[in-house]
Amino acid sequence: MRIYKVAGKEKKPYKIFTLAHGSEKYIGEVWAYSSEQARRFAIDKNSKLQDYLEMGYEIVARLDKEKLEQIQKVNKLEEKRKEEQIQNAWWQD
């Protein structure tokens, strides 16, 4: 399988679930550029998911919004800290 990186995008956390008989079961987490890619990674990584597909279960990848927001907050704080550090260094010379 070839993995292509889309310009300007970064990997995001996705939660993998199986859906069957009206219930869902959490399987794990995968980092990918899209939900389709996350689903494929999970199926390739976990042979049990391939068996579930053959039994008629549905495999779903959902974006983990909470974790993504936390990561974005940390990144913004880090950028702000770096910018302040650059500005302070410039004024101190």
C-alpha atoms as a PDB file:
ATOM      1  CA  MET A   1       0.000   0.000   0.000  1.00  0.00           C
ATOM      2  CA  ARG A   2       1.288   3.438  -0.902  1.00  0.00           C
ATOM      3  CA  ILE A   3       0.756   6.305   1.483  1.00  0.00           C
ATOM      4  CA  TYR A   4       0.424   9.753   0.022  1.00  0.00           C
ATOM      5  CA  LYS A   5       0.703  12.893   2.077  1.00  0.00           C
ATOM      6  CA  VAL A   6      -1.698  15.649   1.159  1.00  0.00           C
ATOM      7  CA  ALA A   7      -0.014  19.050   1.134  1.00  0.00           C
ATOM      8  CA  GLY A   8      -0.961  21.205   4.083  1.00  0.00           C
ATOM      9  CA  LYS A   9      -2.585  18.403   6.027  1.00  0.00           C
ATOM     10  CA  GLU A  10      -1.341  16.529   9.035  1.00  0.00           C
ATOM     11  CA  LYS A  11      -2.272  13.210  10.545  1.00  0.00           C
ATOM     12  CA  LYS A  12      -5.168  13.198  12.977  1.00  0.00           C
ATOM     13  CA  PRO A  13      -6.269  10.718  15.644  1.00  0.00           C
ATOM     14  CA  TYR A  14      -9.169   8.437  14.731  1.00  0.00           C
ATOM     15  CA  LYS A  15     -11.007   5.975  16.958  1.00  0.00           C
ATOM     16  CA  ILE A  16     -11.914   2.642  15.384  1.00  0.00           C
ATOM     17  CA  PHE A  17     -15.229   0.959  16.175  1.00  0.00           C
ATOM     18  CA  THR A  18     -17.069  -2.150  15.035  1.00  0.00           C
ATOM     19  CA  LEU A  19     -20.814  -1.894  14.544  1.00  0.00           C
ATOM     20  CA  ALA A  20     -23.023  -4.968  14.688  1.00  0.00           C
ATOM     21  CA  HIS A  21     -26.492  -5.841  15.912  1.00  0.00           C
ATOM     22  CA  GLY A  22     -27.186  -2.309  17.144  1.00  0.00           C
ATOM     23  CA  SER A  23     -24.122  -2.025  19.335  1.00  0.00           C
ATOM     24  CA  GLU A  24     -20.668  -0.620  18.848  1.00  0.00           C
ATOM     25  CA  LYS A  25     -17.363  -1.763  20.279  1.00  0.00           C
ATOM     26  CA  TYR A  26     -14.244   0.382  20.605  1.00  0.00           C
ATOM     27  CA  ILE A  27     -11.238  -1.297  19.001  1.00  0.00           C
ATOM     28  CA  GLY A  28      -8.412   1.221  19.156  1.00  0.00           C
ATOM     29  CA  GLU A  29      -6.871   4.387  17.814  1.00  0.00           C
ATOM     30  CA  VAL A  30      -5.097   5.095  14.537  1.00  0.00           C
ATOM     31  CA  TRP A  31      -3.392   8.206  13.204  1.00  0.00           C
ATOM     32  CA  ALA A  32      -4.162   8.991   9.548  1.00  0.00           C
ATOM     33  CA  TYR A  33      -4.941  11.772   7.078  1.00  0.00           C
ATOM     34  CA  SER A  34      -8.577  10.717   6.553  1.00  0.00           C
ATOM     35  CA  SER A  35     -11.190   8.423   8.047  1.00  0.00           C
ATOM     36  CA  GLU A  36     -10.973   6.088   5.043  1.00  0.00           C
ATOM     37  CA  GLN A  37      -7.229   5.800   5.464  1.00  0.00           C
ATOM     38  CA  ALA A  38      -7.624   5.238   9.216  1.00  0.00           C
ATOM     39  CA  ARG A  39     -10.145   2.467   8.568  1.00  0.00           C
ATOM     40  CA  ARG A  40      -7.791   0.778   6.082  1.00  0.00           C
ATOM     41  CA  PHE A  41      -4.809   1.069   8.460  1.00  0.00           C
ATOM     42  CA  ALA A  42      -6.831  -0.503  11.258  1.00  0.00           C
ATOM     43  CA  ILE A  43      -8.007  -3.386   9.086  1.00  0.00           C
ATOM     44  CA  ASP A  44      -4.478  -4.018   7.799  1.00  0.00           C
ATOM     45  CA  LYS A  45      -3.011  -3.802  11.319  1.00  0.00           C
ATOM     46  CA  ASN A  46      -5.595  -5.977  13.102  1.00  0.00           C
ATOM     47  CA  SER A  47      -6.467  -9.295  11.430  1.00  0.00           C
ATOM     48  CA  LYS A  48      -9.469  -9.673  13.734  1.00  0.00           C
ATOM     49  CA  LEU A  49     -11.098  -6.716  11.952  1.00  0.00           C
ATOM     50  CA  GLN A  50     -10.814  -8.541   8.637  1.00  0.00           C
ATOM     51  CA  ASP A  51     -12.710 -11.459  10.209  1.00  0.00           C
ATOM     52  CA  TYR A  52     -15.361  -9.046  11.479  1.00  0.00           C
ATOM     53  CA  LEU A  53     -15.792  -7.657   7.966  1.00  0.00           C
ATOM     54  CA  GLU A  54     -16.317 -11.165   6.616  1.00  0.00           C
ATOM     55  CA  MET A  55     -18.973 -11.774   9.294  1.00  0.00           C
ATOM     56  CA  GLY A  56     -20.847  -8.651   8.166  1.00  0.00           C
ATOM     57  CA  TYR A  57     -19.734  -6.233  10.864  1.00  0.00           C
ATOM     58  CA  GLU A  58     -19.157  -2.628   9.881  1.00  0.00           C
ATOM     59  CA  ILE A  59     -15.800  -1.024  10.684  1.00  0.00           C
ATOM     60  CA  VAL A  60     -15.967   2.732  11.333  1.00  0.00           C
ATOM     61  CA  ALA A  61     -13.258   5.338  11.935  1.00  0.00           C
ATOM     62  CA  ARG A  62     -14.326   8.494  13.779  1.00  0.00           C
ATOM     63  CA  LEU A  63     -12.230  11.577  14.356  1.00  0.00           C
ATOM     64  CA  ASP A  64     -11.211  11.932  18.005  1.00  0.00           C
ATOM     65  CA  LYS A  65     -12.178  15.601  18.308  1.00  0.00           C
ATOM     66  CA  GLU A  66     -11.224  15.966  21.979  1.00  0.00           C
ATOM     67  CA  LYS A  67      -7.703  14.704  21.450  1.00  0.00           C
ATOM     68  CA  LEU A  68      -7.310  16.771  18.282  1.00  0.00           C
ATOM     69  CA  GLU A  69      -8.396  19.942  20.112  1.00  0.00           C
ATOM     70  CA  GLN A  70      -5.917  19.237  22.915  1.00  0.00           C
ATOM     71  CA  ILE A  71      -3.104  18.788  20.408  1.00  0.00           C
ATOM     72  CA  GLN A  72      -4.048  21.989  18.589  1.00  0.00           C
ATOM     73  CA  LYS A  73      -4.098  23.941  21.873  1.00  0.00           C
ATOM     74  CA  VAL A  74      -0.654  22.642  22.787  1.00  0.00           C
ATOM     75  CA  ASN A  75       0.660  23.517  19.322  1.00  0.00           C
ATOM     76  CA  LYS A  76      -0.739  27.063  19.544  1.00  0.00           C
ATOM     77  CA  LEU A  77       0.804  27.569  22.989  1.00  0.00           C
ATOM     78  CA  GLU A  78       4.127  26.267  21.709  1.00  0.00           C
ATOM     79  CA  GLU A  79       4.030  28.627  18.712  1.00  0.00           C
ATOM     80  CA  LYS A  80       3.131  31.542  20.983  1.00  0.00           C
ATOM     81  CA  ARG A  81       5.985  30.676  23.348  1.00  0.00           C
ATOM     82  CA  LYS A  82       8.452  30.509  20.442  1.00  0.00           C
ATOM     83  CA  GLU A  83       7.223  33.832  19.064  1.00  0.00           C
ATOM     84  CA  GLU A  84       7.589  35.489  22.486  1.00  0.00           C
ATOM     85  CA  GLN A  85      11.049  34.001  22.845  1.00  0.00           C
ATOM     86  CA  ILE A  86      12.067  35.422  19.456  1.00  0.00           C
ATOM     87  CA  GLN A  87      10.610  38.833  20.245  1.00  0.00           C
ATOM     88  CA  ASN A  88      12.312  38.963  23.646  1.00  0.00           C
ATOM     89  CA  ALA A  89      15.658  37.924  22.193  1.00  0.00           C
ATOM     90  CA  TRP A  90      15.436  40.614  19.530  1.00  0.00           C
ATOM     91  CA  TRP A  91      14.757  43.389  22.059  1.00  0.00           C
ATOM     92  CA  GLN A  92      17.505  42.288  24.412  1.00  0.00           C
ATOM     93  CA  ASP A  93      20.329  42.672  21.900  1.00  0.00           C
END
